[in-house]
Amino acid sequence: MATFIMRGKYSTDAIKQISSERSVKAYQIIQQCGGANLSVYATMGEADILVIVDFPDVGDAMKASVGLAQELGVSFATVPALRAEDFDKLVGGKS
């Protein structure tokens, strides 16, 4: 599994539909795409929501990102992420 950070922005219509039920639907979409939620945060600024999730591969992450936009009206910028210590080993050449 690979970790991805999904930065979401609500459409005007999506803001009107914020609810715990819709959150459950979002989790279901992620799970249907092979994902596992690690953390979800409401934020302020460039993004309205930050989701940290594991997916088997990039294709599954992309499928979830598009599915969430289609079903919930929340557009996501989805990027892969490595823990800092894993990045240090990868780039620093230490194992």
N, C-alpha and C. Protein backbone atom coordinates (compact mmCIF):
# COMPACT_ATOMS: atom_id res chain seq x y z
N MET A 1 0.85 -1.18 0.00
CA MET A 1 0.00 0.00 0.00
C MET A 1 0.89 1.25 0.00
N ALA A 2 0.43 2.26 -0.68
CA ALA A 2 1.12 3.55 -0.74
C ALA A 2 0.22 4.61 -0.12
N THR A 3 0.83 5.58 0.52
CA THR A 3 0.09 6.66 1.17
C THR A 3 -0.09 7.82 0.20
N PHE A 4 -1.29 8.39 0.22
CA PHE A 4 -1.61 9.55 -0.60
C PHE A 4 -2.26 10.62 0.27
N ILE A 5 -2.00 11.87 -0.08
CA ILE A 5 -2.66 13.01 0.55
C ILE A 5 -3.62 13.58 -0.48
N MET A 6 -4.88 13.68 -0.07
CA MET A 6 -5.93 14.20 -0.95
C MET A 6 -6.40 15.54 -0.38
N ARG A 7 -6.15 16.62 -1.12
CA ARG A 7 -6.58 17.96 -0.70
C ARG A 7 -7.85 18.29 -1.46
N GLY A 8 -8.96 18.43 -0.73
CA GLY A 8 -10.25 18.63 -1.36
C GLY A 8 -10.78 20.05 -1.25
N LYS A 9 -11.52 20.45 -2.26
CA LYS A 9 -12.18 21.76 -2.31
C LYS A 9 -13.65 21.54 -2.61
N TYR A 10 -14.53 22.04 -1.73
CA TYR A 10 -15.97 21.89 -1.90
C TYR A 10 -16.49 22.81 -2.99
N SER A 11 -17.41 22.30 -3.80
CA SER A 11 -18.17 23.17 -4.69
C SER A 11 -19.22 23.88 -3.84
N THR A 12 -19.87 24.90 -4.38
CA THR A 12 -20.91 25.62 -3.65
C THR A 12 -22.03 24.67 -3.25
N ASP A 13 -22.42 23.79 -4.16
CA ASP A 13 -23.48 22.81 -3.83
C ASP A 13 -23.02 21.82 -2.77
N ALA A 14 -21.76 21.41 -2.84
CA ALA A 14 -21.24 20.43 -1.87
C ALA A 14 -21.25 21.00 -0.45
N ILE A 15 -21.00 22.29 -0.31
CA ILE A 15 -21.03 22.91 1.01
C ILE A 15 -22.41 22.77 1.64
N LYS A 16 -23.44 22.90 0.84
CA LYS A 16 -24.81 22.81 1.34
C LYS A 16 -25.17 21.40 1.80
N GLN A 17 -24.40 20.40 1.35
CA GLN A 17 -24.73 19.01 1.66
C GLN A 17 -23.79 18.36 2.68
N ILE A 18 -23.01 19.16 3.39
CA ILE A 18 -22.10 18.60 4.39
C ILE A 18 -22.91 17.88 5.46
N SER A 19 -22.54 16.61 5.73
CA SER A 19 -23.22 15.83 6.76
C SER A 19 -22.39 14.59 7.08
N SER A 20 -22.68 13.99 8.22
CA SER A 20 -21.97 12.76 8.58
C SER A 20 -22.33 11.63 7.61
N GLU A 21 -23.53 11.64 7.07
CA GLU A 21 -23.93 10.62 6.10
C GLU A 21 -23.08 10.72 4.83
N ARG A 22 -22.81 11.95 4.40
CA ARG A 22 -22.00 12.11 3.20
C ARG A 22 -20.56 11.69 3.47
N SER A 23 -20.09 11.92 4.70
CA SER A 23 -18.75 11.47 5.06
C SER A 23 -18.66 9.95 4.97
N VAL A 24 -19.69 9.27 5.44
CA VAL A 24 -19.72 7.80 5.35
C VAL A 24 -19.67 7.37 3.89
N LYS A 25 -20.40 8.06 3.03
CA LYS A 25 -20.40 7.74 1.60
C LYS A 25 -18.99 7.93 1.02
N ALA A 26 -18.31 8.97 1.44
CA ALA A 26 -16.94 9.21 0.97
C ALA A 26 -16.02 8.07 1.39
N TYR A 27 -16.13 7.63 2.64
CA TYR A 27 -15.30 6.52 3.13
C TYR A 27 -15.59 5.26 2.32
N GLN A 28 -16.86 5.04 1.97
CA GLN A 28 -17.24 3.86 1.19
C GLN A 28 -16.62 3.91 -0.21
N ILE A 29 -16.62 5.08 -0.81
CA ILE A 29 -16.01 5.22 -2.15
C ILE A 29 -14.53 4.89 -2.08
N ILE A 30 -13.86 5.41 -1.07
CA ILE A 30 -12.43 5.14 -0.91
C ILE A 30 -12.19 3.64 -0.72
N GLN A 31 -13.00 3.00 0.12
CA GLN A 31 -12.85 1.56 0.36
C GLN A 31 -13.14 0.75 -0.91
N GLN A 32 -14.13 1.15 -1.69
CA GLN A 32 -14.46 0.44 -2.93
C GLN A 32 -13.32 0.52 -3.94
N CYS A 33 -12.48 1.54 -3.80
CA CYS A 33 -11.32 1.70 -4.68
C CYS A 33 -10.07 1.06 -4.08
N GLY A 34 -10.24 0.29 -3.02
CA GLY A 34 -9.12 -0.41 -2.39
C GLY A 34 -8.39 0.38 -1.34
N GLY A 35 -8.92 1.54 -0.98
CA GLY A 35 -8.24 2.43 -0.04
C GLY A 35 -8.60 2.17 1.41
N ALA A 36 -7.75 2.68 2.28
CA ALA A 36 -7.97 2.63 3.73
C ALA A 36 -7.71 4.03 4.29
N ASN A 37 -8.72 4.62 4.92
CA ASN A 37 -8.57 5.96 5.51
C ASN A 37 -7.62 5.92 6.69
N LEU A 38 -6.68 6.85 6.72
CA LEU A 38 -5.78 6.99 7.86
C LEU A 38 -6.20 8.16 8.73
N SER A 39 -6.50 9.30 8.09
CA SER A 39 -6.92 10.51 8.81
C SER A 39 -7.72 11.40 7.87
N VAL A 40 -8.65 12.16 8.46
CA VAL A 40 -9.42 13.14 7.70
C VAL A 40 -9.51 14.40 8.55
N TYR A 41 -9.22 15.54 7.93
CA TYR A 41 -9.24 16.82 8.63
C TYR A 41 -10.01 17.86 7.84
N ALA A 42 -10.83 18.63 8.51
CA ALA A 42 -11.42 19.83 7.92
C ALA A 42 -10.37 20.93 8.07
N THR A 43 -10.16 21.70 7.00
CA THR A 43 -9.12 22.73 7.02
C THR A 43 -9.67 24.05 6.50
N MET A 44 -8.86 25.07 6.59
CA MET A 44 -9.22 26.39 6.07
C MET A 44 -8.08 26.85 5.17
N GLY A 45 -8.41 27.57 4.14
CA GLY A 45 -7.38 28.07 3.23
C GLY A 45 -7.57 27.50 1.84
N GLU A 46 -6.48 27.06 1.22
CA GLU A 46 -6.55 26.55 -0.14
C GLU A 46 -7.39 25.29 -0.25
N ALA A 47 -7.39 24.47 0.80
CA ALA A 47 -8.17 23.23 0.80
C ALA A 47 -9.22 23.30 1.91
N ASP A 48 -10.34 22.62 1.68
CA ASP A 48 -11.40 22.56 2.69
C ASP A 48 -11.31 21.28 3.51
N ILE A 49 -10.71 20.26 2.92
CA ILE A 49 -10.61 18.97 3.59
C ILE A 49 -9.30 18.31 3.18
N LEU A 50 -8.69 17.62 4.13
CA LEU A 50 -7.43 16.93 3.91
C LEU A 50 -7.64 15.47 4.31
N VAL A 51 -7.42 14.57 3.37
CA VAL A 51 -7.62 13.14 3.62
C VAL A 51 -6.28 12.44 3.42
N ILE A 52 -5.87 11.66 4.40
CA ILE A 52 -4.66 10.87 4.28
C ILE A 52 -5.12 9.42 4.20
N VAL A 53 -4.73 8.75 3.12
CA VAL A 53 -5.28 7.43 2.82
C VAL A 53 -4.22 6.54 2.17
N ASP A 54 -4.34 5.25 2.38
CA ASP A 54 -3.49 4.28 1.70
C ASP A 54 -4.28 3.66 0.55
N PHE A 55 -3.60 3.50 -0.60
CA PHE A 55 -4.17 2.81 -1.76
C PHE A 55 -3.14 1.81 -2.27
N PRO A 56 -3.62 0.75 -2.93
CA PRO A 56 -2.68 -0.21 -3.49
C PRO A 56 -1.76 0.40 -4.55
N ASP A 57 -2.29 1.33 -5.35
CA ASP A 57 -1.45 1.95 -6.38
C ASP A 57 -2.05 3.28 -6.83
N VAL A 58 -1.34 3.94 -7.71
CA VAL A 58 -1.76 5.26 -8.21
C VAL A 58 -3.10 5.20 -8.91
N GLY A 59 -3.33 4.16 -9.67
CA GLY A 59 -4.60 4.04 -10.40
C GLY A 59 -5.79 4.01 -9.46
N ASP A 60 -5.67 3.29 -8.35
CA ASP A 60 -6.77 3.25 -7.37
C ASP A 60 -6.99 4.62 -6.74
N ALA A 61 -5.89 5.34 -6.46
CA ALA A 61 -6.01 6.68 -5.90
C ALA A 61 -6.71 7.62 -6.87
N MET A 62 -6.36 7.51 -8.14
CA MET A 62 -6.99 8.36 -9.16
C MET A 62 -8.47 8.03 -9.29
N LYS A 63 -8.81 6.76 -9.29
CA LYS A 63 -10.20 6.34 -9.39
C LYS A 63 -11.02 6.90 -8.23
N ALA A 64 -10.48 6.83 -7.02
CA ALA A 64 -11.18 7.37 -5.85
C ALA A 64 -11.33 8.88 -5.95
N SER A 65 -10.28 9.56 -6.37
CA SER A 65 -10.32 11.02 -6.49
C SER A 65 -11.42 11.46 -7.44
N VAL A 66 -11.50 10.80 -8.59
CA VAL A 66 -12.54 11.14 -9.57
C VAL A 66 -13.92 10.73 -9.05
N GLY A 67 -14.01 9.57 -8.43
CA GLY A 67 -15.28 9.11 -7.89
C GLY A 67 -15.84 10.04 -6.82
N LEU A 68 -14.98 10.54 -5.97
CA LEU A 68 -15.42 11.49 -4.93
C LEU A 68 -15.93 12.78 -5.56
N ALA A 69 -15.25 13.24 -6.59
CA ALA A 69 -15.70 14.47 -7.28
C ALA A 69 -17.05 14.25 -7.94
N GLN A 70 -17.21 13.11 -8.61
CA GLN A 70 -18.46 12.83 -9.31
C GLN A 70 -19.63 12.66 -8.34
N GLU A 71 -19.42 11.94 -7.27
CA GLU A 71 -20.51 11.61 -6.34
C GLU A 71 -20.81 12.69 -5.32
N LEU A 72 -19.78 13.46 -4.91
CA LEU A 72 -19.95 14.37 -3.78
C LEU A 72 -19.73 15.84 -4.10
N GLY A 73 -19.23 16.15 -5.28
CA GLY A 73 -18.99 17.54 -5.63
C GLY A 73 -17.78 18.14 -4.94
N VAL A 74 -16.84 17.29 -4.54
CA VAL A 74 -15.61 17.75 -3.91
C VAL A 74 -14.47 17.38 -4.86
N SER A 75 -13.75 18.39 -5.35
CA SER A 75 -12.63 18.10 -6.25
C SER A 75 -11.37 17.93 -5.42
N PHE A 76 -10.56 16.95 -5.79
CA PHE A 76 -9.36 16.63 -5.03
C PHE A 76 -8.10 16.75 -5.87
N ALA A 77 -7.05 17.25 -5.24
CA ALA A 77 -5.69 17.16 -5.76
C ALA A 77 -5.06 16.05 -4.93
N THR A 78 -4.70 14.96 -5.59
CA THR A 78 -4.22 13.77 -4.90
C THR A 78 -2.75 13.55 -5.24
N VAL A 79 -1.93 13.45 -4.20
CA VAL A 79 -0.49 13.29 -4.41
C VAL A 79 0.05 12.16 -3.52
N PRO A 80 1.07 11.43 -4.02
CA PRO A 80 1.68 10.39 -3.20
C PRO A 80 2.52 11.03 -2.09
N ALA A 81 2.68 10.29 -1.00
CA ALA A 81 3.45 10.81 0.13
C ALA A 81 4.30 9.69 0.74
N LEU A 82 5.49 10.05 1.19
CA LEU A 82 6.37 9.14 1.93
C LEU A 82 6.62 9.72 3.31
N ARG A 83 6.70 8.85 4.31
CA ARG A 83 7.10 9.32 5.64
C ARG A 83 8.51 9.90 5.52
N ALA A 84 8.81 10.90 6.32
CA ALA A 84 10.10 11.59 6.22
C ALA A 84 11.27 10.62 6.37
N GLU A 85 11.19 9.67 7.29
CA GLU A 85 12.30 8.74 7.49
C GLU A 85 12.48 7.82 6.28
N ASP A 86 11.38 7.47 5.60
CA ASP A 86 11.49 6.67 4.38
C ASP A 86 12.09 7.49 3.25
N PHE A 87 11.72 8.76 3.17
CA PHE A 87 12.28 9.66 2.17
C PHE A 87 13.78 9.82 2.39
N ASP A 88 14.19 10.00 3.64
CA ASP A 88 15.60 10.15 3.97
C ASP A 88 16.39 8.93 3.52
N LYS A 89 15.86 7.74 3.76
CA LYS A 89 16.54 6.51 3.33
C LYS A 89 16.61 6.43 1.82
N LEU A 90 15.53 6.77 1.15
CA LEU A 90 15.47 6.68 -0.31
C LEU A 90 16.44 7.66 -0.95
N VAL A 91 16.41 8.89 -0.53
CA VAL A 91 17.23 9.92 -1.16
C VAL A 91 18.65 9.93 -0.60
N GLY A 92 18.78 9.64 0.70
CA GLY A 92 20.09 9.66 1.33
C GLY A 92 20.93 8.43 1.05
N GLY A 93 20.31 7.39 0.46
CA GLY A 93 21.06 6.20 0.11
C GLY A 93 21.35 5.28 1.27
N LYS A 94 20.76 5.51 2.43
CA LYS A 94 20.98 4.65 3.60
C LYS A 94 19.82 3.68 3.71
N SER A 95 20.12 2.48 4.15
CA SER A 95 19.04 1.51 4.31
C SER A 95 18.74 1.19 5.74
